PDB file of N, CA and C in Angstrom:
ATOM      1  N   MET A   1       8.595   7.996   6.455  1.00  0.00           N
ATOM      2  CA  MET A   1       7.202   8.213   6.777  1.00  0.00           C
ATOM      3  C   MET A   1       6.709   9.413   5.988  1.00  0.00           C
ATOM      4  N   THR A   2       5.472   9.340   5.561  1.00  0.00           N
ATOM      5  CA  THR A   2       4.915  10.451   4.812  1.00  0.00           C
ATOM      6  C   THR A   2       4.448  11.535   5.769  1.00  0.00           C
ATOM      7  N   ASP A   3       4.284  12.721   5.247  1.00  0.00           N
ATOM      8  CA  ASP A   3       3.776  13.833   6.024  1.00  0.00           C
ATOM      9  C   ASP A   3       2.268  13.634   6.198  1.00  0.00           C
ATOM     10  N   PRO A   4       1.769  13.507   7.441  1.00  0.00           N
ATOM     11  CA  PRO A   4       0.353  13.246   7.653  1.00  0.00           C
ATOM     12  C   PRO A   4      -0.559  14.321   7.087  1.00  0.00           C
ATOM     13  N   SER A   5      -0.048  15.532   6.891  1.00  0.00           N
ATOM     14  CA  SER A   5      -0.886  16.589   6.345  1.00  0.00           C
ATOM     15  C   SER A   5      -0.977  16.518   4.827  1.00  0.00           C
ATOM     16  N   THR A   6      -0.196  15.651   4.216  1.00  0.00           N
ATOM     17  CA  THR A   6      -0.197  15.524   2.764  1.00  0.00           C
ATOM     18  C   THR A   6      -1.192  14.465   2.347  1.00  0.00           C
ATOM     19  N   GLN A   7      -2.114  14.833   1.515  1.00  0.00           N
ATOM     20  CA  GLN A   7      -3.088  13.875   0.999  1.00  0.00           C
ATOM     21  C   GLN A   7      -2.799  13.628  -0.474  1.00  0.00           C
ATOM     22  N   SER A   8      -2.981  12.400  -0.885  1.00  0.00           N
ATOM     23  CA  SER A   8      -2.767  12.004  -2.262  1.00  0.00           C
ATOM     24  C   SER A   8      -3.890  12.562  -3.124  1.00  0.00           C
ATOM     25  N   SER A   9      -3.542  12.949  -4.327  1.00  0.00           N
ATOM     26  CA  SER A   9      -4.580  13.326  -5.275  1.00  0.00           C
ATOM     27  C   SER A   9      -4.658  12.237  -6.336  1.00  0.00           C
ATOM     28  N   ASP A  10      -5.758  12.200  -7.068  1.00  0.00           N
ATOM     29  CA  ASP A  10      -5.980  11.124  -8.023  1.00  0.00           C
ATOM     30  C   ASP A  10      -4.985  11.111  -9.174  1.00  0.00           C
ATOM     31  N   HIS A  11      -4.319  12.222  -9.465  1.00  0.00           N
ATOM     32  CA  HIS A  11      -3.390  12.255 -10.587  1.00  0.00           C
ATOM     33  C   HIS A  11      -1.970  11.842 -10.202  1.00  0.00           C
ATOM     34  N   GLU A  12      -1.683  11.700  -8.918  1.00  0.00           N
ATOM     35  CA  GLU A  12      -0.343  11.291  -8.493  1.00  0.00           C
ATOM     36  C   GLU A  12      -0.123   9.807  -8.773  1.00  0.00           C
ATOM     37  N   THR A  13       1.123   9.463  -9.107  1.00  0.00           N
ATOM     38  CA  THR A  13       1.447   8.067  -9.374  1.00  0.00           C
ATOM     39  C   THR A  13       2.647   7.589  -8.576  1.00  0.00           C
ATOM     40  N   ALA A  14       3.248   8.441  -7.748  1.00  0.00           N
ATOM     41  CA  ALA A  14       4.394   8.051  -6.922  1.00  0.00           C
ATOM     42  C   ALA A  14       4.361   8.846  -5.623  1.00  0.00           C
ATOM     43  N   TRP A  15       4.761   8.154  -4.522  1.00  0.00           N
ATOM     44  CA  TRP A  15       4.731   8.777  -3.204  1.00  0.00           C
ATOM     45  C   TRP A  15       5.991   8.393  -2.442  1.00  0.00           C
ATOM     46  N   ALA A  16       6.639   9.374  -1.829  1.00  0.00           N
ATOM     47  CA  ALA A  16       7.857   9.125  -1.055  1.00  0.00           C
ATOM     48  C   ALA A  16       7.481   8.712   0.363  1.00  0.00           C
ATOM     49  N   THR A  17       8.116   7.661   0.866  1.00  0.00           N
ATOM     50  CA  THR A  17       7.936   7.221   2.250  1.00  0.00           C
ATOM     51  C   THR A  17       9.323   7.012   2.849  1.00  0.00           C
ATOM     52  N   ALA A  18       9.380   6.742   4.139  1.00  0.00           N
ATOM     53  CA  ALA A  18      10.660   6.488   4.803  1.00  0.00           C
ATOM     54  C   ALA A  18      11.327   5.232   4.251  1.00  0.00           C
ATOM     55  N   SER A  19      10.536   4.286   3.730  1.00  0.00           N
ATOM     56  CA  SER A  19      11.080   3.035   3.191  1.00  0.00           C
ATOM     57  C   SER A  19      11.534   3.161   1.745  1.00  0.00           C
ATOM     58  N   GLY A  20      11.072   4.191   1.058  1.00  0.00           N
ATOM     59  CA  GLY A  20      11.391   4.380  -0.356  1.00  0.00           C
ATOM     60  C   GLY A  20      10.182   4.927  -1.090  1.00  0.00           C
ATOM     61  N   THR A  21      10.276   4.996  -2.403  1.00  0.00           N
ATOM     62  CA  THR A  21       9.194   5.539  -3.213  1.00  0.00           C
ATOM     63  C   THR A  21       8.234   4.434  -3.627  1.00  0.00           C
ATOM     64  N   ILE A  22       6.967   4.657  -3.343  1.00  0.00           N
ATOM     65  CA  ILE A  22       5.906   3.727  -3.736  1.00  0.00           C
ATOM     66  C   ILE A  22       5.261   4.296  -4.985  1.00  0.00           C
ATOM     67  N   ARG A  23       5.067   3.436  -5.996  1.00  0.00           N
ATOM     68  CA  ARG A  23       4.459   3.858  -7.250  1.00  0.00           C
ATOM     69  C   ARG A  23       3.177   3.075  -7.527  1.00  0.00           C
ATOM     70  N   LYS A  24       2.236   3.739  -8.152  1.00  0.00           N
ATOM     71  CA  LYS A  24       0.985   3.096  -8.555  1.00  0.00           C
ATOM     72  C   LYS A  24       1.313   1.883  -9.418  1.00  0.00           C
ATOM     73  N   GLY A  25       0.633   0.768  -9.160  1.00  0.00           N
ATOM     74  CA  GLY A  25       0.826  -0.451  -9.951  1.00  0.00           C
ATOM     75  C   GLY A  25       1.870  -1.406  -9.388  1.00  0.00           C
ATOM     76  N   MET A  26       2.620  -0.989  -8.359  1.00  0.00           N
ATOM     77  CA  MET A  26       3.618  -1.886  -7.760  1.00  0.00           C
ATOM     78  C   MET A  26       2.913  -3.072  -7.108  1.00  0.00           C
ATOM     79  N   LYS A  27       3.561  -4.247  -7.147  1.00  0.00           N
ATOM     80  CA  LYS A  27       3.045  -5.422  -6.459  1.00  0.00           C
ATOM     81  C   LYS A  27       3.233  -5.228  -4.957  1.00  0.00           C
ATOM     82  N   VAL A  28       2.302  -5.734  -4.176  1.00  0.00           N
ATOM     83  CA  VAL A  28       2.428  -5.752  -2.720  1.00  0.00           C
ATOM     84  C   VAL A  28       2.548  -7.217  -2.316  1.00  0.00           C
ATOM     85  N   LEU A  29       3.684  -7.556  -1.674  1.00  0.00           N
ATOM     86  CA  LEU A  29       3.986  -8.938  -1.325  1.00  0.00           C
ATOM     87  C   LEU A  29       4.016  -9.116   0.186  1.00  0.00           C
ATOM     88  N   SER A  30       3.464 -10.251   0.646  1.00  0.00           N
ATOM     89  CA  SER A  30       3.553 -10.580   2.064  1.00  0.00           C
ATOM     90  C   SER A  30       4.995 -10.948   2.384  1.00  0.00           C
ATOM     91  N   ALA A  31       5.298 -11.134   3.660  1.00  0.00           N
ATOM     92  CA  ALA A  31       6.661 -11.467   4.083  1.00  0.00           C
ATOM     93  C   ALA A  31       7.145 -12.779   3.459  1.00  0.00           C
ATOM     94  N   ASP A  32       6.205 -13.681   3.134  1.00  0.00           N
ATOM     95  CA  ASP A  32       6.604 -14.952   2.519  1.00  0.00           C
ATOM     96  C   ASP A  32       6.573 -14.909   0.986  1.00  0.00           C
ATOM     97  N   GLY A  33       6.337 -13.726   0.417  1.00  0.00           N
ATOM     98  CA  GLY A  33       6.397 -13.553  -1.030  1.00  0.00           C
ATOM     99  C   GLY A  33       5.088 -13.712  -1.773  1.00  0.00           C
ATOM    100  N   ALA A  34       3.989 -13.956  -1.066  1.00  0.00           N
ATOM    101  CA  ALA A  34       2.681 -14.106  -1.715  1.00  0.00           C
ATOM    102  C   ALA A  34       2.176 -12.742  -2.191  1.00  0.00           C
ATOM    103  N   LEU A  35       1.628 -12.711  -3.396  1.00  0.00           N
ATOM    104  CA  LEU A  35       1.077 -11.479  -3.957  1.00  0.00           C
ATOM    105  C   LEU A  35      -0.242 -11.149  -3.267  1.00  0.00           C
ATOM    106  N   LEU A  36      -0.327  -9.954  -2.688  1.00  0.00           N
ATOM    107  CA  LEU A  36      -1.534  -9.520  -1.990  1.00  0.00           C
ATOM    108  C   LEU A  36      -2.366  -8.552  -2.817  1.00  0.00           C
ATOM    109  N   GLY A  37      -1.758  -7.924  -3.797  1.00  0.00           N
ATOM    110  CA  GLY A  37      -2.455  -6.956  -4.624  1.00  0.00           C
ATOM    111  C   GLY A  37      -1.475  -5.986  -5.245  1.00  0.00           C
ATOM    112  N   THR A  38      -2.014  -4.912  -5.799  1.00  0.00           N
ATOM    113  CA  THR A  38      -1.190  -3.869  -6.398  1.00  0.00           C
ATOM    114  C   THR A  38      -1.581  -2.511  -5.818  1.00  0.00           C
ATOM    115  N   VAL A  39      -0.632  -1.602  -5.807  1.00  0.00           N
ATOM    116  CA  VAL A  39      -0.842  -0.267  -5.244  1.00  0.00           C
ATOM    117  C   VAL A  39      -1.758   0.542  -6.156  1.00  0.00           C
ATOM    118  N   GLU A  40      -2.771   1.137  -5.545  1.00  0.00           N
ATOM    119  CA  GLU A  40      -3.643   2.070  -6.254  1.00  0.00           C
ATOM    120  C   GLU A  40      -3.244   3.507  -5.936  1.00  0.00           C
ATOM    121  N   LYS A  41      -3.078   3.812  -4.628  1.00  0.00           N
ATOM    122  CA  LYS A  41      -2.674   5.159  -4.225  1.00  0.00           C
ATOM    123  C   LYS A  41      -2.298   5.143  -2.752  1.00  0.00           C
ATOM    124  N   LEU A  42      -1.731   6.257  -2.310  1.00  0.00           N
ATOM    125  CA  LEU A  42      -1.391   6.453  -0.903  1.00  0.00           C
ATOM    126  C   LEU A  42      -2.318   7.523  -0.341  1.00  0.00           C
ATOM    127  N   LEU A  43      -2.980   7.196   0.756  1.00  0.00           N
ATOM    128  CA  LEU A  43      -3.851   8.154   1.444  1.00  0.00           C
ATOM    129  C   LEU A  43      -3.349   8.291   2.863  1.00  0.00           C
ATOM    130  N   GLY A  44      -2.711   9.403   3.166  1.00  0.00           N
ATOM    131  CA  GLY A  44      -2.157   9.596   4.500  1.00  0.00           C
ATOM    132  C   GLY A  44      -1.109   8.539   4.804  1.00  0.00           C
ATOM    133  N   GLU A  45      -1.366   7.698   5.796  1.00  0.00           N
ATOM    134  CA  GLU A  45      -0.437   6.645   6.201  1.00  0.00           C
ATOM    135  C   GLU A  45      -0.910   5.257   5.758  1.00  0.00           C
ATOM    136  N   GLU A  46      -1.786   5.214   4.744  1.00  0.00           N
ATOM    137  CA  GLU A  46      -2.310   3.947   4.257  1.00  0.00           C
ATOM    138  C   GLU A  46      -2.077   3.807   2.758  1.00  0.00           C
ATOM    139  N   VAL A  47      -1.604   2.623   2.365  1.00  0.00           N
ATOM    140  CA  VAL A  47      -1.446   2.291   0.956  1.00  0.00           C
ATOM    141  C   VAL A  47      -2.722   1.576   0.538  1.00  0.00           C
ATOM    142  N   MET A  48      -3.468   2.185  -0.361  1.00  0.00           N
ATOM    143  CA  MET A  48      -4.715   1.593  -0.845  1.00  0.00           C
ATOM    144  C   MET A  48      -4.378   0.642  -1.994  1.00  0.00           C
ATOM    145  N   LEU A  49      -4.963  -0.553  -1.960  1.00  0.00           N
ATOM    146  CA  LEU A  49      -4.725  -1.538  -3.000  1.00  0.00           C
ATOM    147  C   LEU A  49      -5.841  -1.485  -4.024  1.00  0.00           C
ATOM    148  N   ALA A  50      -5.502  -1.797  -5.279  1.00  0.00           N
ATOM    149  CA  ALA A  50      -6.483  -1.797  -6.355  1.00  0.00           C
ATOM    150  C   ALA A  50      -7.521  -2.878  -6.101  1.00  0.00           C
ATOM    151  N   GLU A  51      -8.751  -2.608  -6.484  1.00  0.00           N
ATOM    152  CA  GLU A  51      -9.817  -3.600  -6.357  1.00  0.00           C
ATOM    153  C   GLU A  51      -9.562  -4.722  -7.349  1.00  0.00           C
ATOM    154  N   HIS A  52      -9.942  -5.930  -6.957  1.00  0.00           N
ATOM    155  CA  HIS A  52      -9.689  -7.081  -7.817  1.00  0.00           C
ATOM    156  C   HIS A  52     -10.921  -7.557  -8.561  1.00  0.00           C
ATOM    157  N   GLY A  53     -12.082  -7.119  -8.198  1.00  0.00           N
ATOM    158  CA  GLY A  53     -13.296  -7.548  -8.880  1.00  0.00           C
ATOM    159  C   GLY A  53     -14.440  -6.594  -8.605  1.00  0.00           C
ATOM    160  N   PRO A  54     -15.495  -6.695  -9.395  1.00  0.00           N
ATOM    161  CA  PRO A  54     -16.638  -5.802  -9.215  1.00  0.00           C
ATOM    162  C   PRO A  54     -17.234  -5.963  -7.815  1.00  0.00           C
ATOM    163  N   GLY A  55     -17.487  -4.847  -7.170  1.00  0.00           N
ATOM    164  CA  GLY A  55     -18.132  -4.868  -5.872  1.00  0.00           C
ATOM    165  C   GLY A  55     -17.228  -5.170  -4.694  1.00  0.00           C
ATOM    166  N   GLU A  56     -15.954  -5.471  -4.932  1.00  0.00           N
ATOM    167  CA  GLU A  56     -15.045  -5.748  -3.821  1.00  0.00           C
ATOM    168  C   GLU A  56     -14.697  -4.445  -3.123  1.00  0.00           C
ATOM    169  N   ARG A  57     -14.583  -4.508  -1.806  1.00  0.00           N
ATOM    170  CA  ARG A  57     -14.173  -3.337  -1.043  1.00  0.00           C
ATOM    171  C   ARG A  57     -12.669  -3.146  -1.188  1.00  0.00           C
ATOM    172  N   THR A  58     -12.250  -1.908  -1.130  1.00  0.00           N
ATOM    173  CA  THR A  58     -10.841  -1.590  -1.253  1.00  0.00           C
ATOM    174  C   THR A  58     -10.105  -2.032   0.006  1.00  0.00           C
ATOM    175  N   SER A  59      -8.982  -2.725  -0.177  1.00  0.00           N
ATOM    176  CA  SER A  59      -8.140  -3.119   0.948  1.00  0.00           C
ATOM    177  C   SER A  59      -6.996  -2.124   1.078  1.00  0.00           C
ATOM    178  N   PHE A  60      -6.371  -2.120   2.241  1.00  0.00           N
ATOM    179  CA  PHE A  60      -5.248  -1.222   2.456  1.00  0.00           C
ATOM    180  C   PHE A  60      -4.247  -1.864   3.393  1.00  0.00           C
ATOM    181  N   ILE A  61      -3.046  -1.303   3.382  1.00  0.00           N
ATOM    182  CA  ILE A  61      -2.026  -1.671   4.359  1.00  0.00           C
ATOM    183  C   ILE A  61      -1.505  -0.380   4.972  1.00  0.00           C
ATOM    184  N   ALA A  62      -1.098  -0.437   6.204  1.00  0.00           N
ATOM    185  CA  ALA A  62      -0.501   0.722   6.861  1.00  0.00           C
ATOM    186  C   ALA A  62       0.947   0.849   6.398  1.00  0.00           C
ATOM    187  N   VAL A  63       1.401   2.075   6.215  1.00  0.00           N
ATOM    188  CA  VAL A  63       2.789   2.313   5.811  1.00  0.00           C
ATOM    189  C   VAL A  63       3.752   1.663   6.808  1.00  0.00           C
ATOM    190  N   THR A  64       3.351   1.571   8.063  1.00  0.00           N
ATOM    191  CA  THR A  64       4.210   0.970   9.093  1.00  0.00           C
ATOM    192  C   THR A  64       4.418  -0.526   8.892  1.00  0.00           C
ATOM    193  N   GLN A  65       3.624  -1.169   8.042  1.00  0.00           N
ATOM    194  CA  GLN A  65       3.764  -2.589   7.758  1.00  0.00           C
ATOM    195  C   GLN A  65       4.858  -2.877   6.724  1.00  0.00           C
ATOM    196  N   ILE A  66       5.359  -1.853   6.052  1.00  0.00           N
ATOM    197  CA  ILE A  66       6.326  -2.038   4.974  1.00  0.00           C
ATOM    198  C   ILE A  66       7.698  -2.365   5.539  1.00  0.00           C
ATOM    199  N   ASP A  67       8.286  -3.454   5.019  1.00  0.00           N
ATOM    200  CA  ASP A  67       9.630  -3.857   5.412  1.00  0.00           C
ATOM    201  C   ASP A  67      10.660  -3.332   4.427  1.00  0.00           C
ATOM    202  N   GLY A  68      10.276  -3.227   3.154  1.00  0.00           N
ATOM    203  CA  GLY A  68      11.193  -2.735   2.133  1.00  0.00           C
ATOM    204  C   GLY A  68      10.478  -2.494   0.818  1.00  0.00           C
ATOM    205  N   ILE A  69      11.131  -1.746  -0.059  1.00  0.00           N
ATOM    206  CA  ILE A  69      10.583  -1.420  -1.373  1.00  0.00           C
ATOM    207  C   ILE A  69      11.661  -1.671  -2.409  1.00  0.00           C
ATOM    208  N   SER A  70      11.321  -2.463  -3.437  1.00  0.00           N
ATOM    209  CA  SER A  70      12.261  -2.700  -4.537  1.00  0.00           C
ATOM    210  C   SER A  70      11.802  -1.874  -5.742  1.00  0.00           C
ATOM    211  N   ASP A  71      12.395  -2.141  -6.905  1.00  0.00           N
ATOM    212  CA  ASP A  71      12.015  -1.400  -8.107  1.00  0.00           C
ATOM    213  C   ASP A  71      10.559  -1.618  -8.503  1.00  0.00           C
ATOM    214  N   ASP A  72      10.020  -2.811  -8.210  1.00  0.00           N
ATOM    215  CA  ASP A  72       8.668  -3.122  -8.667  1.00  0.00           C
ATOM    216  C   ASP A  72       7.740  -3.696  -7.600  1.00  0.00           C
ATOM    217  N   ALA A  73       8.178  -3.740  -6.336  1.00  0.00           N
ATOM    218  CA  ALA A  73       7.341  -4.359  -5.310  1.00  0.00           C
ATOM    219  C   ALA A  73       7.519  -3.714  -3.939  1.00  0.00           C
ATOM    220  N   VAL A  74       6.451  -3.826  -3.149  1.00  0.00           N
ATOM    221  CA  VAL A  74       6.455  -3.414  -1.752  1.00  0.00           C
ATOM    222  C   VAL A  74       6.408  -4.701  -0.936  1.00  0.00           C
ATOM    223  N   LEU A  75       7.396  -4.912  -0.081  1.00  0.00           N
ATOM    224  CA  LEU A  75       7.459  -6.113   0.749  1.00  0.00           C
ATOM    225  C   LEU A  75       7.028  -5.764   2.163  1.00  0.00           C
ATOM    226  N   LEU A  76       6.091  -6.542   2.696  1.00  0.00           N
ATOM    227  CA  LEU A  76       5.590  -6.296   4.037  1.00  0.00           C
ATOM    228  C   LEU A  76       6.391  -7.073   5.068  1.00  0.00           C
ATOM    229  N   SER A  77       6.408  -6.566   6.282  1.00  0.00           N
ATOM    230  CA  SER A  77       7.091  -7.264   7.372  1.00  0.00           C
ATOM    231  C   SER A  77       6.228  -8.438   7.820  1.00  0.00           C
ATOM    232  N   ASP A  78       6.818  -9.344   8.583  1.00  0.00           N
ATOM    233  CA  ASP A  78       6.086 -10.532   9.027  1.00  0.00           C
ATOM    234  C   ASP A  78       5.580 -10.406  10.460  1.00  0.00           C
ATOM    235  N   ARG A  79       5.437  -9.197  10.933  1.00  0.00           N
ATOM    236  CA  ARG A  79       5.048  -9.034  12.327  1.00  0.00           C
ATOM    237  C   ARG A  79       3.558  -9.226  12.576  1.00  0.00           C
ATOM    238  N   GLY A  80       2.795  -9.438  11.526  1.00  0.00           N
ATOM    239  CA  GLY A  80       1.369  -9.778  11.706  1.00  0.00           C
ATOM    240  C   GLY A  80       0.472  -8.615  12.053  1.00  0.00           C
ATOM    241  N   ASP A  81       0.722  -7.449  11.505  1.00  0.00           N
ATOM    242  CA  ASP A  81      -0.155  -6.308  11.746  1.00  0.00           C
ATOM    243  C   ASP A  81      -1.572  -6.668  11.284  1.00  0.00           C
ATOM    244  N   ALA A  82      -2.541  -6.491  12.131  1.00  0.00           N
ATOM    245  CA  ALA A  82      -3.897  -6.964  11.875  1.00  0.00           C
ATOM    246  C   ALA A  82      -4.708  -6.061  10.961  1.00  0.00           C
ATOM    247  N   THR A  83      -4.148  -4.963  10.447  1.00  0.00           N
ATOM    248  CA  THR A  83      -4.959  -4.051   9.635  1.00  0.00           C
ATOM    249  C   THR A  83      -5.121  -4.528   8.208  1.00  0.00           C
ATOM    250  N   PHE A  84      -4.233  -5.392   7.688  1.00  0.00           N
ATOM    251  CA  PHE A  84      -4.352  -5.777   6.287  1.00  0.00           C
ATOM    252  C   PHE A  84      -5.644  -6.523   6.048  1.00  0.00           C
ATOM    253  N   GLY A  85      -6.283  -6.202   4.957  1.00  0.00           N
ATOM    254  CA  GLY A  85      -7.478  -6.905   4.558  1.00  0.00           C
ATOM    255  C   GLY A  85      -8.768  -6.291   5.084  1.00  0.00           C
ATOM    256  N   LEU A  86      -8.663  -5.351   5.985  1.00  0.00           N
ATOM    257  CA  LEU A  86      -9.866  -4.682   6.440  1.00  0.00           C
ATOM    258  C   LEU A  86     -10.368  -3.801   5.322  1.00  0.00           C
ATOM    259  N   GLY A  87     -11.639  -3.810   5.088  1.00  0.00           N
ATOM    260  CA  GLY A  87     -12.197  -2.978   4.039  1.00  0.00           C
ATOM    261  C   GLY A  87     -12.054  -1.520   4.407  1.00  0.00           C
ATOM    262  N   ALA A  88     -11.724  -0.716   3.444  1.00  0.00           N
ATOM    263  CA  ALA A  88     -11.587   0.713   3.678  1.00  0.00           C
ATOM    264  C   ALA A  88     -12.535   1.437   2.749  1.00  0.00           C
ATOM    265  N   GLU A  89     -13.053   2.500   3.215  1.00  0.00           N
ATOM    266  CA  GLU A  89     -13.898   3.329   2.383  1.00  0.00           C
ATOM    267  C   GLU A  89     -13.033   4.405   1.754  1.00  0.00           C
ATOM    268  N   PRO A  90     -12.877   4.382   0.418  1.00  0.00           N
ATOM    269  CA  PRO A  90     -12.021   5.384  -0.242  1.00  0.00           C
ATOM    270  C   PRO A  90     -12.573   6.780  -0.122  1.00  0.00           C
TER     271      PRO A  90
END
């Protein structure tokens, strides 16, 4: 888990979590392997995903949704946390 008092800055490209190190540009995969997006940055306990098109709101996942981290991807658990896909204001 990240330190809640630590905020990401725009120049950071890697963040340590209890599950492993998350890096900017990593794929974010659902429990069934579907690509949900790519990591833009970590803000507190939320992984912000890169926008996919003009005018789209930024999506995020809670760090608690992470099941594991590989060299190039973040895998989410299948417990159905309802926060994914909610628009976040960066």
